């Protein structure tokens, strides 16, 4: 078990989060999504869904506003960590184990937050266990992103907002197009350039073969797509 100092460069309140082995460590994509969340008008009585909650870093920020937050993760260790972090902060957070489509359905949300797996993988099949659950997302990195886009109109109430963070390797224009085809209009509201992590570095040759990276490339761009359900 790690206690992580989750340093936030935007001068937000620092958090120390319990992280169990194999649970995704809050990184720049987490912080970018937290910053996007801080721009939303959120408070008591509003319903929030956090997809791929990990340690609960983003869900806890939402819960601190007084909103009713449901957090979902396919990794059981992440569910345990998020529940423990909520308990330590005495914040009401409903944390569910399983796929977001099943566990998050049946309720329209005012805000859906998503930091899904988005790293392109040489493996066609998604992992069923292990740390790769947090990042491996099929050959184009869009296995989970496309499902979120397709289900956005079902998950969101009229006027509800989706905040989705992923790498530009997955093509943010394609995300916006998928959302619009589903009837939800979106655009990129935040970008951040970050150094490649160990997973991307380990796949450099394969990414170059696929045309997803240039030789010697060391940086990727993270984006937040914000979409509103106008129905």
C-alpha atoms as a PDB file:
ATOM      1  CA  UNK A   1       0.000   0.000   0.000  1.00  0.00           C
ATOM      2  CA  UNK A   2       1.348   3.425  -0.960  1.00  0.00           C
ATOM      3  CA  UNK A   3       0.480   6.784   0.491  1.00  0.00           C
ATOM      4  CA  UNK A   4       0.847   9.152  -2.426  1.00  0.00           C
ATOM      5  CA  UNK A   5       1.418  12.846  -2.222  1.00  0.00           C
ATOM      6  CA  UNK A   6      -0.769  13.923  -5.150  1.00  0.00           C
ATOM      7  CA  UNK A   7       0.912  17.205  -6.068  1.00  0.00           C
ATOM      8  CA  UNK A   8      -1.415  19.507  -8.011  1.00  0.00           C
ATOM      9  CA  UNK A   9       0.273  22.255 -10.040  1.00  0.00           C
ATOM     10  CA  UNK A  10      -2.861  24.420 -10.083  1.00  0.00           C
ATOM     11  CA  UNK A  11      -2.604  25.177  -6.342  1.00  0.00           C
ATOM     12  CA  UNK A  12      -5.568  22.981  -5.500  1.00  0.00           C
ATOM     13  CA  UNK A  13      -5.692  21.330  -2.086  1.00  0.00           C
ATOM     14  CA  UNK A  14      -3.057  18.636  -1.821  1.00  0.00           C
ATOM     15  CA  UNK A  15      -4.269  15.129  -1.067  1.00  0.00           C
ATOM     16  CA  UNK A  16      -2.592  12.038   0.283  1.00  0.00           C
ATOM     17  CA  UNK A  17      -4.323   9.053  -1.238  1.00  0.00           C
ATOM     18  CA  UNK A  18      -4.085   5.406  -0.305  1.00  0.00           C
ATOM     19  CA  UNK A  19      -3.111   3.358  -3.362  1.00  0.00           C
ATOM     20  CA  UNK A  20      -3.152  -0.430  -3.329  1.00  0.00           C
ATOM     21  CA  UNK A  21      -0.766  -2.441  -5.543  1.00  0.00           C
ATOM     22  CA  UNK A  22      -1.892  -2.443  -9.163  1.00  0.00           C
ATOM     23  CA  UNK A  23      -4.153   0.612  -8.804  1.00  0.00           C
ATOM     24  CA  UNK A  24      -3.517   3.464 -11.232  1.00  0.00           C
ATOM     25  CA  UNK A  25      -1.320   6.157  -9.757  1.00  0.00           C
ATOM     26  CA  UNK A  26      -2.846   9.668 -10.110  1.00  0.00           C
ATOM     27  CA  UNK A  27      -0.853  11.380 -12.859  1.00  0.00           C
ATOM     28  CA  UNK A  28      -1.116  14.344 -15.213  1.00  0.00           C
ATOM     29  CA  UNK A  29      -4.295  13.052 -16.830  1.00  0.00           C
ATOM     30  CA  UNK A  30      -5.864  12.841 -13.358  1.00  0.00           C
ATOM     31  CA  UNK A  31      -4.812  16.400 -12.576  1.00  0.00           C
ATOM     32  CA  UNK A  32      -6.035  17.710 -15.924  1.00  0.00           C
ATOM     33  CA  UNK A  33      -9.443  16.160 -15.287  1.00  0.00           C
ATOM     34  CA  UNK A  34      -9.500  17.611 -11.764  1.00  0.00           C
ATOM     35  CA  UNK A  35      -8.826  21.055 -13.207  1.00  0.00           C
ATOM     36  CA  UNK A  36     -11.624  20.631 -15.756  1.00  0.00           C
ATOM     37  CA  UNK A  37     -13.941  19.573 -12.931  1.00  0.00           C
ATOM     38  CA  UNK A  38     -13.121  22.741 -11.018  1.00  0.00           C
ATOM     39  CA  UNK A  39     -14.572  24.776 -13.920  1.00  0.00           C
ATOM     40  CA  UNK A  40     -17.998  23.134 -13.589  1.00  0.00           C
ATOM     41  CA  UNK A  41     -20.838  24.484 -11.442  1.00  0.00           C
ATOM     42  CA  UNK A  42     -21.394  21.538  -9.148  1.00  0.00           C
ATOM     43  CA  UNK A  43     -23.089  21.218  -5.789  1.00  0.00           C
ATOM     44  CA  UNK A  44     -25.718  19.610  -3.605  1.00  0.00           C
ATOM     45  CA  UNK A  45     -28.451  17.636  -5.289  1.00  0.00           C
ATOM     46  CA  UNK A  46     -26.479  16.973  -8.456  1.00  0.00           C
ATOM     47  CA  UNK A  47     -25.643  13.452  -9.580  1.00  0.00           C
ATOM     48  CA  UNK A  48     -22.130  12.566 -10.748  1.00  0.00           C
ATOM     49  CA  UNK A  49     -20.654   9.401 -12.269  1.00  0.00           C
ATOM     50  CA  UNK A  50     -16.891   8.812 -12.255  1.00  0.00           C
ATOM     51  CA  UNK A  51     -15.771   6.139 -14.740  1.00  0.00           C
ATOM     52  CA  UNK A  52     -12.462   4.429 -13.984  1.00  0.00           C
ATOM     53  CA  UNK A  53     -12.119   5.992 -10.555  1.00  0.00           C
ATOM     54  CA  UNK A  54      -8.808   4.390  -9.533  1.00  0.00           C
ATOM     55  CA  UNK A  55      -7.902   5.805  -6.121  1.00  0.00           C
ATOM     56  CA  UNK A  56     -10.989   8.037  -6.263  1.00  0.00           C
ATOM     57  CA  UNK A  57      -8.886  11.182  -6.774  1.00  0.00           C
ATOM     58  CA  UNK A  58     -11.387  12.892  -9.093  1.00  0.00           C
ATOM     59  CA  UNK A  59     -14.549  11.454  -7.524  1.00  0.00           C
ATOM     60  CA  UNK A  60     -13.509  12.779  -4.121  1.00  0.00           C
ATOM     61  CA  UNK A  61     -13.111  16.287  -5.537  1.00  0.00           C
ATOM     62  CA  UNK A  62     -16.651  16.067  -6.832  1.00  0.00           C
ATOM     63  CA  UNK A  63     -17.981  14.638  -3.553  1.00  0.00           C
ATOM     64  CA  UNK A  64     -16.396  17.515  -1.630  1.00  0.00           C
ATOM     65  CA  UNK A  65     -18.795  19.914  -3.401  1.00  0.00           C
ATOM     66  CA  UNK A  66     -21.792  18.141  -1.875  1.00  0.00           C
ATOM     67  CA  UNK A  67     -22.777  16.373  -5.092  1.00  0.00           C
ATOM     68  CA  UNK A  68     -23.942  12.754  -4.953  1.00  0.00           C
ATOM     69  CA  UNK A  69     -21.138  10.792  -6.575  1.00  0.00           C
ATOM     70  CA  UNK A  70     -21.073   7.227  -7.885  1.00  0.00           C
ATOM     71  CA  UNK A  71     -17.623   5.901  -8.782  1.00  0.00           C
ATOM     72  CA  UNK A  72     -17.061   2.754 -10.879  1.00  0.00           C
ATOM     73  CA  UNK A  73     -13.974   0.675 -11.630  1.00  0.00           C
ATOM     74  CA  UNK A  74     -13.384  -2.768 -13.124  1.00  0.00           C
ATOM     75  CA  UNK A  75     -10.425  -3.360 -10.773  1.00  0.00           C
ATOM     76  CA  UNK A  76     -11.470  -4.607  -7.338  1.00  0.00           C
ATOM     77  CA  UNK A  77      -8.312  -3.163  -5.748  1.00  0.00           C
ATOM     78  CA  UNK A  78      -9.292   0.281  -7.077  1.00  0.00           C
ATOM     79  CA  UNK A  79     -12.760  -0.057  -5.534  1.00  0.00           C
ATOM     80  CA  UNK A  80     -11.218  -0.901  -2.160  1.00  0.00           C
ATOM     81  CA  UNK A  81      -8.762   2.016  -2.412  1.00  0.00           C
ATOM     82  CA  UNK A  82     -11.454   4.527  -3.395  1.00  0.00           C
ATOM     83  CA  UNK A  83     -13.735   3.393  -0.562  1.00  0.00           C
ATOM     84  CA  UNK A  84     -10.887   3.674   1.913  1.00  0.00           C
ATOM     85  CA  UNK A  85      -9.928   7.156   0.693  1.00  0.00           C
ATOM     86  CA  UNK A  86     -13.548   8.293   0.985  1.00  0.00           C
ATOM     87  CA  UNK A  87     -13.766   6.860   4.502  1.00  0.00           C
ATOM     88  CA  UNK A  88     -10.544   8.598   5.555  1.00  0.00           C
ATOM     89  CA  UNK A  89     -11.971  11.927   4.338  1.00  0.00           C
ATOM     90  CA  UNK A  90     -15.461  11.253   5.709  1.00  0.00           C
ATOM     91  CA  UNK A  91     -16.912  11.964   2.283  1.00  0.00           C
ATOM     92  CA  UNK A  92     -19.999  10.127   1.012  1.00  0.00           C
ATOM     93  CA  UNK A  93     -18.892   8.234  -2.084  1.00  0.00           C
ATOM     94  CA  UNK A  94     -20.705   5.276  -3.626  1.00  0.00           C
ATOM     95  CA  UNK A  95     -18.056   3.014  -5.172  1.00  0.00           C
ATOM     96  CA  UNK A  96     -19.120   0.104  -7.387  1.00  0.00           C
ATOM     97  CA  UNK A  97     -17.125  -2.750  -8.886  1.00  0.00           C
ATOM     98  CA  UNK A  98     -17.732  -3.609 -12.529  1.00  0.00           C
ATOM     99  CA  UNK A  99     -18.239  -2.216 -16.002  1.00  0.00           C
ATOM    100  CA  UNK A 100     -19.573   1.333 -16.156  1.00  0.00           C
ATOM    101  CA  UNK A 101     -22.263   0.449 -18.689  1.00  0.00           C
ATOM    102  CA  UNK A 102     -23.887  -1.974 -16.258  1.00  0.00           C
ATOM    103  CA  UNK A 103     -23.091  -0.306 -12.954  1.00  0.00           C
ATOM    104  CA  UNK A 104     -23.749   3.277 -14.061  1.00  0.00           C
ATOM    105  CA  UNK A 105     -26.942   2.669 -15.998  1.00  0.00           C
ATOM    106  CA  UNK A 106     -30.470   3.356 -14.860  1.00  0.00           C
ATOM    107  CA  UNK A 107     -29.747   6.866 -13.687  1.00  0.00           C
ATOM    108  CA  UNK A 108     -29.270  10.123 -15.598  1.00  0.00           C
ATOM    109  CA  UNK A 109     -26.269  12.115 -14.394  1.00  0.00           C
ATOM    110  CA  UNK A 110     -25.639  15.839 -14.333  1.00  0.00           C
ATOM    111  CA  UNK A 111     -21.920  15.210 -14.801  1.00  0.00           C
ATOM    112  CA  UNK A 112     -19.975  12.191 -16.050  1.00  0.00           C
ATOM    113  CA  UNK A 113     -16.229  12.134 -15.437  1.00  0.00           C
ATOM    114  CA  UNK A 114     -14.046   9.662 -17.313  1.00  0.00           C
ATOM    115  CA  UNK A 115     -10.362   8.811 -17.281  1.00  0.00           C
ATOM    116  CA  UNK A 116     -10.591   5.515 -19.168  1.00  0.00           C
ATOM    117  CA  UNK A 117      -7.820   3.250 -20.449  1.00  0.00           C
ATOM    118  CA  UNK A 118      -6.534   4.852 -23.663  1.00  0.00           C
ATOM    119  CA  UNK A 119      -3.060   3.510 -24.451  1.00  0.00           C
ATOM    120  CA  UNK A 120      -2.850   1.706 -27.819  1.00  0.00           C
ATOM    121  CA  UNK A 121      -1.808  -1.910 -27.297  1.00  0.00           C
ATOM    122  CA  UNK A 122      -0.368  -4.584 -29.578  1.00  0.00           C
ATOM    123  CA  UNK A 123      -2.903  -6.955 -28.005  1.00  0.00           C
ATOM    124  CA  UNK A 124      -6.359  -6.986 -29.551  1.00  0.00           C
ATOM    125  CA  UNK A 125      -8.019  -8.351 -26.431  1.00  0.00           C
ATOM    126  CA  UNK A 126      -8.407  -6.161 -23.364  1.00  0.00           C
ATOM    127  CA  UNK A 127      -6.727  -7.450 -20.190  1.00  0.00           C
ATOM    128  CA  UNK A 128      -8.962  -9.122 -17.625  1.00  0.00           C
ATOM    129  CA  UNK A 129      -6.641  -8.524 -14.678  1.00  0.00           C
ATOM    130  CA  UNK A 130      -3.455  -6.779 -13.628  1.00  0.00           C
ATOM    131  CA  UNK A 131      -2.259  -3.169 -13.879  1.00  0.00           C
ATOM    132  CA  UNK A 132      -2.881  -3.129 -17.646  1.00  0.00           C
ATOM    133  CA  UNK A 133      -6.586  -2.796 -16.863  1.00  0.00           C
ATOM    134  CA  UNK A 134      -5.862   0.882 -16.179  1.00  0.00           C
ATOM    135  CA  UNK A 135      -4.276   1.702 -19.542  1.00  0.00           C
ATOM    136  CA  UNK A 136      -4.503  -0.981 -22.260  1.00  0.00           C
ATOM    137  CA  UNK A 137      -7.340  -0.121 -24.682  1.00  0.00           C
ATOM    138  CA  UNK A 138      -6.961  -2.137 -27.875  1.00  0.00           C
ATOM    139  CA  UNK A 139      -5.049  -1.490 -31.073  1.00  0.00           C
ATOM    140  CA  UNK A 140      -6.167   2.131 -31.442  1.00  0.00           C
ATOM    141  CA  UNK A 141      -6.583   2.926 -27.733  1.00  0.00           C
ATOM    142  CA  UNK A 142     -10.299   3.562 -28.196  1.00  0.00           C
ATOM    143  CA  UNK A 143     -11.956   0.381 -26.914  1.00  0.00           C
ATOM    144  CA  UNK A 144     -13.417   2.117 -23.869  1.00  0.00           C
ATOM    145  CA  UNK A 145     -13.520   5.675 -25.241  1.00  0.00           C
ATOM    146  CA  UNK A 146     -15.861   4.649 -28.073  1.00  0.00           C
ATOM    147  CA  UNK A 147     -18.211   2.909 -25.630  1.00  0.00           C
ATOM    148  CA  UNK A 148     -18.367   6.042 -23.474  1.00  0.00           C
ATOM    149  CA  UNK A 149     -19.144   8.161 -26.535  1.00  0.00           C
ATOM    150  CA  UNK A 150     -21.914   5.796 -27.652  1.00  0.00           C
ATOM    151  CA  UNK A 151     -23.511   5.660 -24.196  1.00  0.00           C
ATOM    152  CA  UNK A 152     -23.150   9.367 -23.355  1.00  0.00           C
ATOM    153  CA  UNK A 153     -26.783  10.220 -24.268  1.00  0.00           C
ATOM    154  CA  UNK A 154     -27.995   7.417 -21.991  1.00  0.00           C
ATOM    155  CA  UNK A 155     -25.754   8.342 -19.075  1.00  0.00           C
ATOM    156  CA  UNK A 156     -26.385  12.103 -19.207  1.00  0.00           C
ATOM    157  CA  UNK A 157     -29.523  13.966 -18.229  1.00  0.00           C
ATOM    158  CA  UNK A 158     -30.707  16.718 -20.599  1.00  0.00           C
ATOM    159  CA  UNK A 159     -28.140  19.470 -20.139  1.00  0.00           C
ATOM    160  CA  UNK A 160     -25.715  17.022 -18.492  1.00  0.00           C
ATOM    161  CA  UNK A 161     -21.981  17.292 -19.174  1.00  0.00           C
ATOM    162  CA  UNK A 162     -19.312  14.706 -19.974  1.00  0.00           C
ATOM    163  CA  UNK A 163     -15.657  15.419 -19.164  1.00  0.00           C
ATOM    164  CA  UNK A 164     -13.422  12.843 -20.844  1.00  0.00           C
ATOM    165  CA  UNK A 165      -9.620  12.860 -20.695  1.00  0.00           C
ATOM    166  CA  UNK A 166      -7.396  10.871 -23.039  1.00  0.00           C
ATOM    167  CA  UNK A 167      -4.256  11.038 -25.152  1.00  0.00           C
ATOM    168  CA  UNK A 168      -4.214  12.763 -28.513  1.00  0.00           C
ATOM    169  CA  UNK A 169      -2.760   9.469 -29.793  1.00  0.00           C
ATOM    170  CA  UNK A 170      -6.396   8.298 -29.772  1.00  0.00           C
ATOM    171  CA  UNK A 171      -7.491  11.225 -31.998  1.00  0.00           C
ATOM    172  CA  UNK A 172      -9.628  13.803 -30.213  1.00  0.00           C
ATOM    173  CA  UNK A 173     -11.371  14.730 -33.494  1.00  0.00           C
ATOM    174  CA  UNK A 174     -12.599  11.163 -33.712  1.00  0.00           C
ATOM    175  CA  UNK A 175     -13.920  11.413 -30.146  1.00  0.00           C
ATOM    176  CA  UNK A 176     -15.861  14.572 -30.993  1.00  0.00           C
ATOM    177  CA  UNK A 177     -17.213  12.951 -34.167  1.00  0.00           C
ATOM    178  CA  UNK A 178     -18.331   9.852 -32.243  1.00  0.00           C
ATOM    179  CA  UNK A 179     -20.077  11.998 -29.656  1.00  0.00           C
ATOM    180  CA  UNK A 180     -21.860  14.045 -32.309  1.00  0.00           C
ATOM    181  CA  UNK A 181     -22.997  10.882 -34.091  1.00  0.00           C
ATOM    182  CA  UNK A 182     -24.472   9.805 -30.756  1.00  0.00           C
ATOM    183  CA  UNK A 183     -26.247  13.157 -30.476  1.00  0.00           C
ATOM    184  CA  UNK A 184     -23.944  14.882 -27.986  1.00  0.00           C
ATOM    185  CA  UNK A 185     -21.956  17.938 -29.032  1.00  0.00           C
ATOM    186  CA  UNK A 186     -18.416  18.246 -27.703  1.00  0.00           C
ATOM    187  CA  UNK A 187     -15.119  20.110 -28.043  1.00  0.00           C
ATOM    188  CA  UNK A 188     -11.628  20.084 -26.557  1.00  0.00           C
ATOM    189  CA  UNK A 189     -11.412  22.425 -23.562  1.00  0.00           C
ATOM    190  CA  UNK A 190      -7.935  21.636 -22.196  1.00  0.00           C
ATOM    191  CA  UNK A 191      -4.616  20.352 -23.463  1.00  0.00           C
ATOM    192  CA  UNK A 192      -1.373  19.412 -21.742  1.00  0.00           C
ATOM    193  CA  UNK A 193       1.905  18.148 -23.163  1.00  0.00           C
ATOM    194  CA  UNK A 194       3.572  15.473 -21.024  1.00  0.00           C
ATOM    195  CA  UNK A 195       6.625  13.249 -21.316  1.00  0.00           C
ATOM    196  CA  UNK A 196       6.131   9.659 -22.393  1.00  0.00           C
ATOM    197  CA  UNK A 197       5.798   7.244 -19.510  1.00  0.00           C
ATOM    198  CA  UNK A 198       7.293   3.750 -19.291  1.00  0.00           C
ATOM    199  CA  UNK A 199       4.354   2.041 -21.038  1.00  0.00           C
ATOM    200  CA  UNK A 200       4.597   4.180 -24.169  1.00  0.00           C
ATOM    201  CA  UNK A 201       8.387   3.931 -24.160  1.00  0.00           C
ATOM    202  CA  UNK A 202       8.166   0.141 -24.057  1.00  0.00           C
ATOM    203  CA  UNK A 203       5.933   0.222 -27.178  1.00  0.00           C
ATOM    204  CA  UNK A 204       7.921   2.756 -29.159  1.00  0.00           C
ATOM    205  CA  UNK A 205       8.789   0.453 -32.088  1.00  0.00           C
ATOM    206  CA  UNK A 206       5.211  -0.817 -32.406  1.00  0.00           C
ATOM    207  CA  UNK A 207       3.738   2.713 -32.197  1.00  0.00           C
ATOM    208  CA  UNK A 208       6.114   3.870 -34.952  1.00  0.00           C
ATOM    209  CA  UNK A 209       5.133   0.915 -37.131  1.00  0.00           C
ATOM    210  CA  UNK A 210       1.476   1.855 -36.670  1.00  0.00           C
ATOM    211  CA  UNK A 211       2.179   5.482 -37.586  1.00  0.00           C
ATOM    212  CA  UNK A 212       1.108   6.659 -34.125  1.00  0.00           C
ATOM    213  CA  UNK A 213       4.514   8.066 -33.194  1.00  0.00           C
ATOM    214  CA  UNK A 214       7.469   9.632 -34.978  1.00  0.00           C
ATOM    215  CA  UNK A 215      11.003   8.311 -34.480  1.00  0.00           C
ATOM    216  CA  UNK A 216      12.513   9.768 -31.328  1.00  0.00           C
ATOM    217  CA  UNK A 217       9.191  11.172 -30.113  1.00  0.00           C
ATOM    218  CA  UNK A 218       9.170  11.724 -26.340  1.00  0.00           C
ATOM    219  CA  UNK A 219       6.038  13.766 -25.657  1.00  0.00           C
ATOM    220  CA  UNK A 220       2.311  13.183 -25.917  1.00  0.00           C
ATOM    221  CA  UNK A 221      -0.586  15.576 -25.670  1.00  0.00           C
ATOM    222  CA  UNK A 222      -3.409  14.973 -23.214  1.00  0.00           C
ATOM    223  CA  UNK A 223      -6.821  16.467 -23.952  1.00  0.00           C
ATOM    224  CA  UNK A 224     -10.088  16.965 -22.102  1.00  0.00           C
ATOM    225  CA  UNK A 225     -13.198  16.708 -24.250  1.00  0.00           C
ATOM    226  CA  UNK A 226     -16.250  18.426 -22.800  1.00  0.00           C
ATOM    227  CA  UNK A 227     -19.625  17.443 -24.226  1.00  0.00           C
ATOM    228  CA  UNK A 228     -23.152  18.533 -23.311  1.00  0.00           C
ATOM    229  CA  UNK A 229     -26.319  16.533 -23.836  1.00  0.00           C
ATOM    230  CA  UNK A 230     -28.754  19.025 -25.329  1.00  0.00           C
ATOM    231  CA  UNK A 231     -31.645  16.541 -25.602  1.00  0.00           C
END
